[in-house]
Amino acid sequence: MTTKSKVIVILPALNAEKTLEKTVQDISKNIVDEIILVDDGSTDDTVNIAKRLGLTVYTHEKNKGYGANQKTCYRLALEKKADIIVMIHPDYQYDAKVIKYLVGFIEEGYCDVMLGSRIRSRKQVAKGGMPFYKYISNRFLTLCENILSGYNLAEWHTGMRAYKREVLENIDFKNNSDDFIFDTQVLFQIVEKEYDIGDIPVPVRYHPESSSINFKRSLTYGLLTLYTAIKFFLKKLINRK
């Protein structure tokens, strides 16, 4: 598959030395024009490995947070005139071979945003190693977000996403949180602008090196997700009056 668009993959990285090379090896150079890694204050060898792999590397001198990392990623990709920006976590949890399908759906005009969904069945999730509490919380939050947004996405909490340039230019992602709730805020901004969002399945692939937040931070994230969803819904109701 050869694309007509300029495609840039962004990797928001933090201590990804064990998985970065495997992730990059699965990214097709026939589809992707450039890979940008933004390192958010790693204490391991992530930056050196990224440079050895020939990636475009940008570093934060200190850890600023997951959302802040993505803000830098998107700013750099837009500055480099990307037509399609693909974000994937460099922890090898997501299969980068799927990128060509995400890009294809956007390039052919079917969708403005594409998500890679890990959730297809409980059996596959269990086989892939996703912790049970994460599966339950993912299903509950996604159900609430679908009801409150009016969309019907398979998963709202994926670390594999592709955006048409126009989408990122027309949402105010710069003023979103610097923490993990950033992803949810971005999707609700996209819903508010009524862009078309699609999703395709990606294998569930949890392993010891997968990036993951602990239960306490997961709980905080869940509460902030519900707050963001309810806030969007109430705003929509008020605007209809």
Protein backbone atom coordinates (compact mmCIF):
# COMPACT_ATOMS: atom_id res chain seq x y z
CA MET A 1 0.00 0.00 0.00
CA THR A 2 1.40 3.38 -1.02
CA THR A 3 -0.21 6.49 0.43
CA LYS A 4 -0.59 9.90 -1.15
CA SER A 5 -0.50 11.66 2.20
CA LYS A 6 2.43 12.66 4.36
CA VAL A 7 2.15 10.33 7.35
CA ILE A 8 4.04 10.95 10.58
CA VAL A 9 4.00 8.52 13.49
CA ILE A 10 4.48 9.99 16.94
CA LEU A 11 5.75 8.00 19.91
CA PRO A 12 5.15 9.56 23.37
CA ALA A 13 7.88 7.75 25.29
CA LEU A 14 8.86 7.23 28.90
CA ASN A 15 11.36 4.52 29.81
CA ALA A 16 10.64 2.46 26.70
CA GLU A 17 14.09 0.96 26.13
CA LYS A 18 12.85 -2.65 26.30
CA THR A 19 10.08 -2.28 23.73
CA LEU A 20 10.94 0.66 21.49
CA GLU A 21 12.92 -1.24 18.86
CA LYS A 22 10.25 -3.95 18.49
CA THR A 23 7.59 -1.28 18.07
CA VAL A 24 9.55 0.61 15.42
CA GLN A 25 10.40 -2.56 13.48
CA ASP A 26 6.69 -3.16 12.88
CA ILE A 27 6.11 0.32 11.41
CA SER A 28 6.06 0.10 7.61
CA LYS A 29 8.45 2.56 5.97
CA ASN A 30 6.36 2.30 2.78
CA ILE A 31 3.52 4.10 4.54
CA VAL A 32 5.19 6.31 7.14
CA ASP A 33 7.34 9.28 6.12
CA GLU A 34 8.80 10.05 9.54
CA ILE A 35 8.74 8.77 13.11
CA ILE A 36 8.98 11.32 15.91
CA LEU A 37 9.77 10.22 19.45
CA VAL A 38 9.24 12.65 22.29
CA ASP A 39 10.97 11.49 25.44
CA ASP A 40 9.38 12.70 28.67
CA GLY A 41 12.35 12.54 31.01
CA SER A 42 13.26 8.86 30.72
CA THR A 43 15.89 7.52 33.10
CA ASP A 44 16.82 4.58 30.86
CA ASP A 45 18.38 4.31 27.38
CA THR A 46 15.26 5.25 25.39
CA VAL A 47 16.78 8.34 23.77
CA ASN A 48 19.98 6.62 22.62
CA ILE A 49 18.05 3.70 21.15
CA ALA A 50 15.71 6.09 19.32
CA LYS A 51 18.66 7.94 17.80
CA ARG A 52 20.29 4.67 16.76
CA LEU A 53 17.05 3.69 15.01
CA GLY A 54 17.10 6.93 13.04
CA LEU A 55 14.04 8.48 14.64
CA THR A 56 13.50 12.20 15.00
CA VAL A 57 14.03 12.70 18.73
CA TYR A 58 12.83 15.51 20.98
CA THR A 59 13.41 15.43 24.73
CA HIS A 60 11.78 17.04 27.74
CA GLU A 61 14.44 17.85 30.32
CA LYS A 62 12.10 16.64 33.06
CA ASN A 63 8.93 14.58 33.19
CA LYS A 64 5.97 16.79 32.26
CA GLY A 65 3.24 14.16 32.02
CA TYR A 66 1.57 11.99 29.40
CA GLY A 67 -0.65 14.77 28.07
CA ALA A 68 2.21 17.25 27.89
CA ASN A 69 4.21 14.67 25.94
CA GLN A 70 1.45 14.32 23.35
CA LYS A 71 1.08 18.09 23.05
CA THR A 72 4.72 18.28 21.99
CA CYS A 73 4.23 15.30 19.66
CA TYR A 74 1.30 16.89 17.84
CA ARG A 75 2.92 20.31 17.66
CA LEU A 76 6.02 18.86 16.01
CA ALA A 77 4.00 16.73 13.56
CA LEU A 78 1.89 19.71 12.52
CA GLU A 79 5.00 21.88 12.11
CA LYS A 80 6.38 19.21 9.78
CA LYS A 81 3.22 19.46 7.63
CA ALA A 82 1.90 15.97 8.30
CA ASP A 83 -1.39 15.17 6.56
CA ILE A 84 -2.10 12.23 8.88
CA ILE A 85 -0.69 11.88 12.39
CA VAL A 86 -0.60 8.43 13.99
CA MET A 87 -0.01 8.13 17.74
CA ILE A 88 1.08 4.79 19.14
CA HIS A 89 2.50 3.93 22.54
CA PRO A 90 6.05 2.58 22.14
CA ASP A 91 5.50 -0.16 24.73
CA TYR A 92 4.70 -2.85 22.13
CA GLN A 93 1.18 -3.23 23.49
CA TYR A 94 -0.28 -2.25 20.11
CA ASP A 95 0.51 -3.90 16.78
CA ALA A 96 2.05 -1.22 14.57
CA LYS A 97 1.30 -3.28 11.45
CA VAL A 98 -2.28 -2.03 11.77
CA ILE A 99 -1.17 1.54 10.97
CA LYS A 100 -1.74 1.02 7.24
CA TYR A 101 -5.43 0.36 7.87
CA LEU A 102 -5.85 3.39 10.13
CA VAL A 103 -4.22 5.55 7.47
CA GLY A 104 -6.26 3.97 4.68
CA PHE A 105 -9.62 4.73 6.28
CA ILE A 106 -8.63 8.38 6.70
CA GLU A 107 -7.00 8.73 3.31
CA GLU A 108 -10.01 7.26 1.51
CA GLY A 109 -12.27 9.76 3.26
CA TYR A 110 -14.27 7.30 5.38
CA CYS A 111 -13.22 8.81 8.71
CA ASP A 112 -11.42 11.82 10.15
CA VAL A 113 -10.12 9.92 13.16
CA MET A 114 -9.34 6.22 13.57
CA LEU A 115 -8.85 4.26 16.78
CA GLY A 116 -7.30 0.83 17.32
CA SER A 117 -9.57 -1.09 19.68
CA ARG A 118 -8.21 -3.87 21.91
CA ILE A 119 -11.66 -4.97 23.07
CA ARG A 120 -13.39 -7.66 21.01
CA SER A 121 -14.23 -10.43 23.44
CA ARG A 122 -13.54 -11.28 27.09
CA LYS A 123 -11.71 -14.41 25.96
CA GLN A 124 -9.30 -12.48 23.74
CA VAL A 125 -8.74 -9.84 26.40
CA ALA A 126 -7.92 -12.49 28.99
CA LYS A 127 -5.63 -14.33 26.54
CA GLY A 128 -3.86 -11.06 25.77
CA GLY A 129 -3.11 -10.48 29.43
CA MET A 130 -5.17 -7.36 30.17
CA PRO A 131 -5.78 -7.17 33.95
CA PHE A 132 -9.41 -7.94 34.77
CA TYR A 133 -10.01 -4.68 36.66
CA LYS A 134 -8.73 -2.74 33.63
CA TYR A 135 -11.08 -4.64 31.35
CA ILE A 136 -14.09 -3.98 33.60
CA SER A 137 -13.26 -0.29 34.01
CA ASN A 138 -12.62 0.06 30.27
CA ARG A 139 -16.01 -1.46 29.44
CA PHE A 140 -17.85 0.64 32.04
CA LEU A 141 -16.23 3.92 31.07
CA THR A 142 -16.63 3.26 27.34
CA LEU A 143 -20.34 2.48 27.86
CA CYS A 144 -20.84 5.73 29.78
CA GLU A 145 -18.90 7.75 27.20
CA ASN A 146 -20.89 6.26 24.31
CA ILE A 147 -24.20 7.04 26.02
CA LEU A 148 -23.23 10.60 26.91
CA SER A 149 -21.55 11.38 23.57
CA GLY A 150 -24.04 9.71 21.22
CA TYR A 151 -21.19 7.81 19.54
CA ASN A 152 -20.70 4.04 19.52
CA LEU A 153 -16.96 3.42 19.79
CA ALA A 154 -15.57 0.04 20.71
CA GLU A 155 -12.97 1.57 23.03
CA TRP A 156 -12.35 5.13 24.20
CA HIS A 157 -9.09 4.35 26.01
CA THR A 158 -6.74 3.10 23.36
CA GLY A 159 -3.15 4.22 22.93
CA MET A 160 -3.30 3.83 19.15
CA ARG A 161 -4.96 6.65 17.22
CA ALA A 162 -4.75 8.35 13.84
CA TYR A 163 -5.89 11.88 13.06
CA LYS A 164 -6.42 13.89 9.92
CA ARG A 165 -4.37 17.09 10.16
CA GLU A 166 -7.48 19.25 10.08
CA VAL A 167 -8.81 17.64 13.26
CA LEU A 168 -5.81 18.55 15.40
CA GLU A 169 -5.74 22.05 13.91
CA ASN A 170 -9.37 22.65 14.88
CA ILE A 171 -9.42 21.44 18.48
CA ASP A 172 -7.80 23.19 21.43
CA PHE A 173 -5.65 20.30 22.61
CA LYS A 174 -2.97 22.69 23.89
CA ASN A 175 -5.14 23.65 26.85
CA ASN A 176 -6.01 20.10 27.84
CA SER A 177 -4.59 18.32 30.89
CA ASP A 178 -0.92 17.33 30.99
CA ASP A 179 -1.95 14.00 32.56
CA PHE A 180 -3.63 10.81 31.31
CA ILE A 181 -7.10 12.38 30.95
CA PHE A 182 -5.70 14.24 27.91
CA ASP A 183 -6.78 11.44 25.54
CA THR A 184 -10.39 11.55 26.73
CA GLN A 185 -10.51 15.32 26.46
CA VAL A 186 -9.25 15.14 22.89
CA LEU A 187 -11.95 12.65 21.87
CA PHE A 188 -14.73 14.74 23.38
CA GLN A 189 -13.36 17.82 21.60
CA ILE A 190 -13.50 15.83 18.37
CA VAL A 191 -17.06 14.70 19.10
CA GLU A 192 -18.05 18.30 19.81
CA LYS A 193 -16.74 19.28 16.37
CA GLU A 194 -18.76 16.38 14.88
CA TYR A 195 -15.85 14.72 13.12
CA ASP A 196 -16.29 11.13 11.95
CA ILE A 197 -14.54 8.61 14.22
CA GLY A 198 -13.99 4.98 13.26
CA ASP A 199 -12.24 2.04 14.87
CA ILE A 200 -10.70 -1.28 13.91
CA PRO A 201 -9.56 -4.18 16.10
CA VAL A 202 -5.97 -4.60 17.23
CA PRO A 203 -4.69 -7.59 19.22
CA VAL A 204 -4.57 -7.33 23.01
CA ARG A 205 -0.92 -7.59 23.96
CA TYR A 206 -0.17 -6.98 27.64
CA HIS A 207 3.25 -8.02 28.92
CA PRO A 208 5.54 -7.02 31.82
CA GLU A 209 7.06 -4.17 29.79
CA SER A 210 3.69 -2.62 28.88
CA SER A 211 3.22 0.87 30.26
CA SER A 212 0.43 0.97 32.80
CA ILE A 213 -0.78 3.18 35.62
CA ASN A 214 -1.45 1.75 39.06
CA PHE A 215 -4.87 1.16 40.59
CA LYS A 216 -4.96 4.46 42.49
CA ARG A 217 -4.15 6.50 39.40
CA SER A 218 -6.57 4.37 37.39
CA LEU A 219 -9.33 5.28 39.85
CA THR A 220 -8.51 8.98 39.54
CA TYR A 221 -8.46 8.64 35.76
CA GLY A 222 -11.87 6.93 35.81
CA LEU A 223 -13.44 9.69 37.90
CA LEU A 224 -11.97 12.38 35.65
CA THR A 225 -13.25 10.50 32.60
CA LEU A 226 -16.80 10.49 33.98
CA TYR A 227 -16.48 14.17 34.87
CA THR A 228 -15.35 15.01 31.33
CA ALA A 229 -18.17 12.99 29.78
CA ILE A 230 -20.87 14.49 32.01
CA LYS A 231 -19.50 17.99 31.44
CA PHE A 232 -19.74 17.45 27.67
CA PHE A 233 -23.30 16.10 27.95
CA LEU A 234 -24.52 19.01 30.10
CA LYS A 235 -22.93 21.54 27.77
CA LYS A 236 -24.70 19.90 24.84
CA LEU A 237 -28.05 20.04 26.65
CA ILE A 238 -27.59 23.72 27.50
CA ASN A 239 -26.68 24.60 23.92
CA ARG A 240 -29.86 22.91 22.66
CA LYS A 241 -32.08 25.17 24.77
